[in-house]
């Protein structure tokens, strides 16, 4: 699933061997984000809230984590 993080950047969160992997999407490539670990048991429906908990200091009042297609 791809997410727009407060209009600043886009990340892709995917399942790899029963674990979550995070990638920052930049022109022409995906960069693995290894600074954070998403609990393997976290349900996909809870990803936006989890990402908001991680990145909240980057946001301004009213900013949101927006799922993308």
PDB file of N, CA and C in Angstrom:
ATOM      1  N   UNK A   1       0.838  -1.171   0.000  1.00  0.00           N
ATOM      2  CA  UNK A   1       0.000   0.000   0.000  1.00  0.00           C
ATOM      3  C   UNK A   1       0.885   1.236   0.000  1.00  0.00           C
ATOM      4  N   UNK A   2       0.488   2.218  -0.787  1.00  0.00           N
ATOM      5  CA  UNK A   2       1.236   3.470  -0.833  1.00  0.00           C
ATOM      6  C   UNK A   2       0.506   4.520  -0.009  1.00  0.00           C
ATOM      7  N   UNK A   3       1.299   5.383   0.636  1.00  0.00           N
ATOM      8  CA  UNK A   3       0.755   6.434   1.485  1.00  0.00           C
ATOM      9  C   UNK A   3       1.466   7.749   1.205  1.00  0.00           C
ATOM     10  N   UNK A   4       0.694   8.812   1.117  1.00  0.00           N
ATOM     11  CA  UNK A   4       1.232  10.165   1.043  1.00  0.00           C
ATOM     12  C   UNK A   4       1.382  10.627   2.489  1.00  0.00           C
ATOM     13  N   UNK A   5       2.590  10.945   2.874  1.00  0.00           N
ATOM     14  CA  UNK A   5       2.881  11.328   4.258  1.00  0.00           C
ATOM     15  C   UNK A   5       2.895  12.849   4.358  1.00  0.00           C
ATOM     16  N   UNK A   6       1.759  13.399   4.778  1.00  0.00           N
ATOM     17  CA  UNK A   6       1.601  14.840   5.009  1.00  0.00           C
ATOM     18  C   UNK A   6       1.951  15.697   3.799  1.00  0.00           C
ATOM     19  N   UNK A   7       1.843  15.132   2.598  1.00  0.00           N
ATOM     20  CA  UNK A   7       2.165  15.887   1.390  1.00  0.00           C
ATOM     21  C   UNK A   7       3.658  16.097   1.188  1.00  0.00           C
ATOM     22  N   UNK A   8       4.472  15.432   1.988  1.00  0.00           N
ATOM     23  CA  UNK A   8       5.930  15.621   1.925  1.00  0.00           C
ATOM     24  C   UNK A   8       6.637  14.543   1.115  1.00  0.00           C
ATOM     25  N   UNK A   9       6.196  13.302   1.250  1.00  0.00           N
ATOM     26  CA  UNK A   9       6.791  12.198   0.505  1.00  0.00           C
ATOM     27  C   UNK A   9       5.814  11.031   0.476  1.00  0.00           C
ATOM     28  N   UNK A  10       6.133  10.037  -0.358  1.00  0.00           N
ATOM     29  CA  UNK A  10       5.285   8.853  -0.505  1.00  0.00           C
ATOM     30  C   UNK A  10       6.075   7.634  -0.051  1.00  0.00           C
ATOM     31  N   UNK A  11       5.406   6.783   0.726  1.00  0.00           N
ATOM     32  CA  UNK A  11       6.031   5.525   1.120  1.00  0.00           C
ATOM     33  C   UNK A  11       5.164   4.369   0.638  1.00  0.00           C
ATOM     34  N   UNK A  12       5.814   3.237   0.443  1.00  0.00           N
ATOM     35  CA  UNK A  12       5.143   2.004   0.047  1.00  0.00           C
ATOM     36  C   UNK A  12       5.385   1.002   1.167  1.00  0.00           C
ATOM     37  N   UNK A  13       4.309   0.409   1.670  1.00  0.00           N
ATOM     38  CA  UNK A  13       4.409  -0.591   2.731  1.00  0.00           C
ATOM     39  C   UNK A  13       3.916  -1.912   2.149  1.00  0.00           C
ATOM     40  N   UNK A  14       4.764  -2.927   2.194  1.00  0.00           N
ATOM     41  CA  UNK A  14       4.429  -4.228   1.608  1.00  0.00           C
ATOM     42  C   UNK A  14       4.750  -5.356   2.595  1.00  0.00           C
ATOM     43  N   UNK A  15       4.053  -6.484   2.416  1.00  0.00           N
ATOM     44  CA  UNK A  15       4.349  -7.679   3.208  1.00  0.00           C
ATOM     45  C   UNK A  15       5.448  -8.460   2.506  1.00  0.00           C
ATOM     46  N   UNK A  16       6.486  -8.802   3.251  1.00  0.00           N
ATOM     47  CA  UNK A  16       7.575  -9.643   2.754  1.00  0.00           C
ATOM     48  C   UNK A  16       7.837 -10.738   3.773  1.00  0.00           C
ATOM     49  N   UNK A  17       7.478 -11.959   3.429  1.00  0.00           N
ATOM     50  CA  UNK A  17       7.708 -13.107   4.320  1.00  0.00           C
ATOM     51  C   UNK A  17       7.134 -12.864   5.713  1.00  0.00           C
ATOM     52  N   UNK A  18       5.861 -12.539   5.780  1.00  0.00           N
ATOM     53  CA  UNK A  18       5.134 -12.337   7.041  1.00  0.00           C
ATOM     54  C   UNK A  18       5.624 -11.146   7.862  1.00  0.00           C
ATOM     55  N   UNK A  19       6.314 -10.224   7.224  1.00  0.00           N
ATOM     56  CA  UNK A  19       6.756  -8.991   7.888  1.00  0.00           C
ATOM     57  C   UNK A  19       6.422  -7.815   6.998  1.00  0.00           C
ATOM     58  N   UNK A  20       6.332  -6.651   7.605  1.00  0.00           N
ATOM     59  CA  UNK A  20       6.110  -5.427   6.845  1.00  0.00           C
ATOM     60  C   UNK A  20       7.453  -4.831   6.443  1.00  0.00           C
ATOM     61  N   UNK A  21       7.531  -4.335   5.216  1.00  0.00           N
ATOM     62  CA  UNK A  21       8.719  -3.621   4.738  1.00  0.00           C
ATOM     63  C   UNK A  21       8.259  -2.253   4.250  1.00  0.00           C
ATOM     64  N   UNK A  22       9.057  -1.223   4.544  1.00  0.00           N
ATOM     65  CA  UNK A  22       8.717   0.145   4.151  1.00  0.00           C
ATOM     66  C   UNK A  22       9.752   0.665   3.163  1.00  0.00           C
ATOM     67  N   UNK A  23       9.251   1.388   2.144  1.00  0.00           N
ATOM     68  CA  UNK A  23      10.113   1.978   1.131  1.00  0.00           C
ATOM     69  C   UNK A  23       9.672   3.407   0.871  1.00  0.00           C
ATOM     70  N   UNK A  24      10.629   4.310   0.730  1.00  0.00           N
ATOM     71  CA  UNK A  24      10.312   5.663   0.276  1.00  0.00           C
ATOM     72  C   UNK A  24      10.369   5.648  -1.246  1.00  0.00           C
ATOM     73  N   UNK A  25       9.350   6.226  -1.869  1.00  0.00           N
ATOM     74  CA  UNK A  25       9.285   6.295  -3.324  1.00  0.00           C
ATOM     75  C   UNK A  25       9.925   7.606  -3.763  1.00  0.00           C
ATOM     76  N   UNK A  26      10.986   7.495  -4.548  1.00  0.00           N
ATOM     77  CA  UNK A  26      11.656   8.667  -5.119  1.00  0.00           C
ATOM     78  C   UNK A  26      11.699   8.459  -6.628  1.00  0.00           C
ATOM     79  N   UNK A  27      11.862   9.517  -7.400  1.00  0.00           N
ATOM     80  CA  UNK A  27      11.852   9.352  -8.858  1.00  0.00           C
ATOM     81  C   UNK A  27      12.812   8.252  -9.324  1.00  0.00           C
ATOM     82  N   UNK A  28      12.251   7.224  -9.936  1.00  0.00           N
ATOM     83  CA  UNK A  28      13.051   6.161 -10.520  1.00  0.00           C
ATOM     84  C   UNK A  28      13.453   5.025  -9.601  1.00  0.00           C
ATOM     85  N   UNK A  29      13.128   5.107  -8.289  1.00  0.00           N
ATOM     86  CA  UNK A  29      13.518   4.008  -7.401  1.00  0.00           C
ATOM     87  C   UNK A  29      12.736   4.012  -6.099  1.00  0.00           C
ATOM     88  N   UNK A  30      12.907   2.921  -5.359  1.00  0.00           N
ATOM     89  CA  UNK A  30      12.335   2.776  -4.017  1.00  0.00           C
ATOM     90  C   UNK A  30      13.491   2.580  -3.045  1.00  0.00           C
ATOM     91  N   UNK A  31      13.497   3.343  -1.982  1.00  0.00           N
ATOM     92  CA  UNK A  31      14.559   3.245  -0.980  1.00  0.00           C
ATOM     93  C   UNK A  31      13.999   2.603   0.286  1.00  0.00           C
ATOM     94  N   UNK A  32      14.617   1.521   0.731  1.00  0.00           N
ATOM     95  CA  UNK A  32      14.138   0.836   1.934  1.00  0.00           C
ATOM     96  C   UNK A  32      14.293   1.753   3.146  1.00  0.00           C
ATOM     97  N   UNK A  33      13.261   1.793   3.959  1.00  0.00           N
ATOM     98  CA  UNK A  33      13.287   2.538   5.218  1.00  0.00           C
ATOM     99  C   UNK A  33      13.522   1.515   6.321  1.00  0.00           C
ATOM    100  N   UNK A  34      14.666   1.575   6.958  1.00  0.00           N
ATOM    101  CA  UNK A  34      14.986   0.599   8.002  1.00  0.00           C
ATOM    102  C   UNK A  34      15.037   1.231   9.390  1.00  0.00           C
ATOM    103  N   UNK A  35      14.675   2.517   9.477  1.00  0.00           N
ATOM    104  CA  UNK A  35      14.697   3.212  10.766  1.00  0.00           C
ATOM    105  C   UNK A  35      13.556   2.780  11.683  1.00  0.00           C
ATOM    106  N   UNK A  36      12.496   2.230  11.100  1.00  0.00           N
ATOM    107  CA  UNK A  36      11.311   1.856  11.863  1.00  0.00           C
ATOM    108  C   UNK A  36      10.934   0.417  11.552  1.00  0.00           C
ATOM    109  N   UNK A  37      10.371  -0.249  12.529  1.00  0.00           N
ATOM    110  CA  UNK A  37       9.873  -1.611  12.322  1.00  0.00           C
ATOM    111  C   UNK A  37       8.380  -1.627  12.623  1.00  0.00           C
ATOM    112  N   UNK A  38       7.611  -2.076  11.662  1.00  0.00           N
ATOM    113  CA  UNK A  38       6.174  -2.226  11.860  1.00  0.00           C
ATOM    114  C   UNK A  38       5.950  -3.615  12.447  1.00  0.00           C
ATOM    115  N   UNK A  39       5.207  -3.719  13.548  1.00  0.00           N
ATOM    116  CA  UNK A  39       4.967  -5.041  14.132  1.00  0.00           C
ATOM    117  C   UNK A  39       4.348  -5.988  13.101  1.00  0.00           C
ATOM    118  N   UNK A  40       4.885  -7.193  12.961  1.00  0.00           N
ATOM    119  CA  UNK A  40       4.366  -8.133  11.960  1.00  0.00           C
ATOM    120  C   UNK A  40       2.881  -8.440  12.130  1.00  0.00           C
ATOM    121  N   UNK A  41       2.394  -8.376  13.355  1.00  0.00           N
ATOM    122  CA  UNK A  41       0.988  -8.706  13.615  1.00  0.00           C
ATOM    123  C   UNK A  41       0.031  -7.549  13.328  1.00  0.00           C
ATOM    124  N   UNK A  42       0.557  -6.372  13.000  1.00  0.00           N
ATOM    125  CA  UNK A  42      -0.298  -5.208  12.754  1.00  0.00           C
ATOM    126  C   UNK A  42      -1.157  -5.441  11.518  1.00  0.00           C
ATOM    127  N   UNK A  43      -2.464  -5.247  11.670  1.00  0.00           N
ATOM    128  CA  UNK A  43      -3.394  -5.405  10.559  1.00  0.00           C
ATOM    129  C   UNK A  43      -3.240  -4.242   9.579  1.00  0.00           C
ATOM    130  N   UNK A  44      -3.416  -4.547   8.301  1.00  0.00           N
ATOM    131  CA  UNK A  44      -3.283  -3.544   7.242  1.00  0.00           C
ATOM    132  C   UNK A  44      -4.164  -2.319   7.491  1.00  0.00           C
ATOM    133  N   UNK A  45      -5.326  -2.517   8.074  1.00  0.00           N
ATOM    134  CA  UNK A  45      -6.246  -1.399   8.318  1.00  0.00           C
ATOM    135  C   UNK A  45      -5.706  -0.406   9.342  1.00  0.00           C
ATOM    136  N   UNK A  46      -4.721  -0.812  10.131  1.00  0.00           N
ATOM    137  CA  UNK A  46      -4.139   0.052  11.158  1.00  0.00           C
ATOM    138  C   UNK A  46      -2.866   0.762  10.691  1.00  0.00           C
ATOM    139  N   UNK A  47      -2.433   0.505   9.457  1.00  0.00           N
ATOM    140  CA  UNK A  47      -1.199   1.125   8.962  1.00  0.00           C
ATOM    141  C   UNK A  47      -1.243   2.653   8.963  1.00  0.00           C
ATOM    142  N   UNK A  48      -2.320   3.304   8.485  1.00  0.00           N
ATOM    143  CA  UNK A  48      -2.308   4.778   8.501  1.00  0.00           C
ATOM    144  C   UNK A  48      -2.088   5.357   9.904  1.00  0.00           C
ATOM    145  N   UNK A  49      -2.746   4.793  10.908  1.00  0.00           N
ATOM    146  CA  UNK A  49      -2.575   5.299  12.274  1.00  0.00           C
ATOM    147  C   UNK A  49      -1.159   5.036  12.779  1.00  0.00           C
ATOM    148  N   UNK A  50      -0.617   3.859  12.480  1.00  0.00           N
ATOM    149  CA  UNK A  50       0.742   3.539  12.898  1.00  0.00           C
ATOM    150  C   UNK A  50       1.737   4.505  12.265  1.00  0.00           C
ATOM    151  N   UNK A  51       1.571   4.768  10.967  1.00  0.00           N
ATOM    152  CA  UNK A  51       2.469   5.702  10.277  1.00  0.00           C
ATOM    153  C   UNK A  51       2.332   7.111  10.838  1.00  0.00           C
ATOM    154  N   UNK A  52       1.120   7.505  11.190  1.00  0.00           N
ATOM    155  CA  UNK A  52       0.916   8.815  11.806  1.00  0.00           C
ATOM    156  C   UNK A  52       1.640   8.888  13.150  1.00  0.00           C
ATOM    157  N   UNK A  53       1.612   7.804  13.903  1.00  0.00           N
ATOM    158  CA  UNK A  53       2.330   7.767  15.183  1.00  0.00           C
ATOM    159  C   UNK A  53       3.836   7.927  14.979  1.00  0.00           C
ATOM    160  N   UNK A  54       4.368   7.335  13.909  1.00  0.00           N
ATOM    161  CA  UNK A  54       5.802   7.424  13.625  1.00  0.00           C
ATOM    162  C   UNK A  54       6.196   8.825  13.155  1.00  0.00           C
ATOM    163  N   UNK A  55       5.428   9.373  12.223  1.00  0.00           N
ATOM    164  CA  UNK A  55       5.818  10.605  11.530  1.00  0.00           C
ATOM    165  C   UNK A  55       5.139  11.870  12.058  1.00  0.00           C
ATOM    166  N   UNK A  56       4.408  11.799  13.159  1.00  0.00           N
ATOM    167  CA  UNK A  56       3.602  12.944  13.609  1.00  0.00           C
ATOM    168  C   UNK A  56       4.402  14.231  13.813  1.00  0.00           C
ATOM    169  N   UNK A  57       5.667  14.137  14.158  1.00  0.00           N
ATOM    170  CA  UNK A  57       6.456  15.357  14.376  1.00  0.00           C
ATOM    171  C   UNK A  57       6.735  16.109  13.081  1.00  0.00           C
ATOM    172  N   UNK A  58       6.570  15.444  11.933  1.00  0.00           N
ATOM    173  CA  UNK A  58       6.774  16.094  10.637  1.00  0.00           C
ATOM    174  C   UNK A  58       5.521  16.832  10.168  1.00  0.00           C
ATOM    175  N   UNK A  59       4.389  16.484  10.755  1.00  0.00           N
ATOM    176  CA  UNK A  59       3.120  17.045  10.302  1.00  0.00           C
ATOM    177  C   UNK A  59       2.789  18.374  10.953  1.00  0.00           C
ATOM    178  N   UNK A  60       1.893  19.086  10.285  1.00  0.00           N
ATOM    179  CA  UNK A  60       1.340  20.325  10.826  1.00  0.00           C
ATOM    180  C   UNK A  60      -0.096  20.040  11.234  1.00  0.00           C
ATOM    181  N   UNK A  61      -0.706  20.904  12.024  1.00  0.00           N
ATOM    182  CA  UNK A  61      -2.104  20.677  12.396  1.00  0.00           C
ATOM    183  C   UNK A  61      -2.969  20.456  11.150  1.00  0.00           C
ATOM    184  N   UNK A  62      -3.743  19.394  11.171  1.00  0.00           N
ATOM    185  CA  UNK A  62      -4.624  19.082  10.057  1.00  0.00           C
ATOM    186  C   UNK A  62      -4.011  18.192   8.990  1.00  0.00           C
ATOM    187  N   UNK A  63      -2.680  17.995   9.014  1.00  0.00           N
ATOM    188  CA  UNK A  63      -2.035  17.111   8.037  1.00  0.00           C
ATOM    189  C   UNK A  63      -2.455  15.669   8.299  1.00  0.00           C
ATOM    190  N   UNK A  64      -2.505  14.873   7.226  1.00  0.00           N
ATOM    191  CA  UNK A  64      -2.924  13.483   7.357  1.00  0.00           C
ATOM    192  C   UNK A  64      -2.032  12.559   6.540  1.00  0.00           C
ATOM    193  N   UNK A  65      -2.028  11.304   6.947  1.00  0.00           N
ATOM    194  CA  UNK A  65      -1.436  10.232   6.156  1.00  0.00           C
ATOM    195  C   UNK A  65      -2.555   9.755   5.233  1.00  0.00           C
ATOM    196  N   UNK A  66      -2.333   9.836   3.922  1.00  0.00           N
ATOM    197  CA  UNK A  66      -3.392   9.522   2.960  1.00  0.00           C
ATOM    198  C   UNK A  66      -3.023   8.276   2.158  1.00  0.00           C
ATOM    199  N   UNK A  67      -3.858   7.220   2.230  1.00  0.00           N
ATOM    200  CA  UNK A  67      -3.615   6.048   1.382  1.00  0.00           C
ATOM    201  C   UNK A  67      -3.769   6.419  -0.091  1.00  0.00           C
ATOM    202  N   UNK A  68      -2.907   5.866  -0.940  1.00  0.00           N
ATOM    203  CA  UNK A  68      -2.955   6.096  -2.382  1.00  0.00           C
ATOM    204  C   UNK A  68      -3.262   4.781  -3.085  1.00  0.00           C
ATOM    205  N   UNK A  69      -3.743   4.861  -4.296  1.00  0.00           N
ATOM    206  CA  UNK A  69      -3.997   3.658  -5.106  1.00  0.00           C
ATOM    207  C   UNK A  69      -2.741   3.209  -5.780  1.00  0.00           C
TER     208      UNK A  69
END
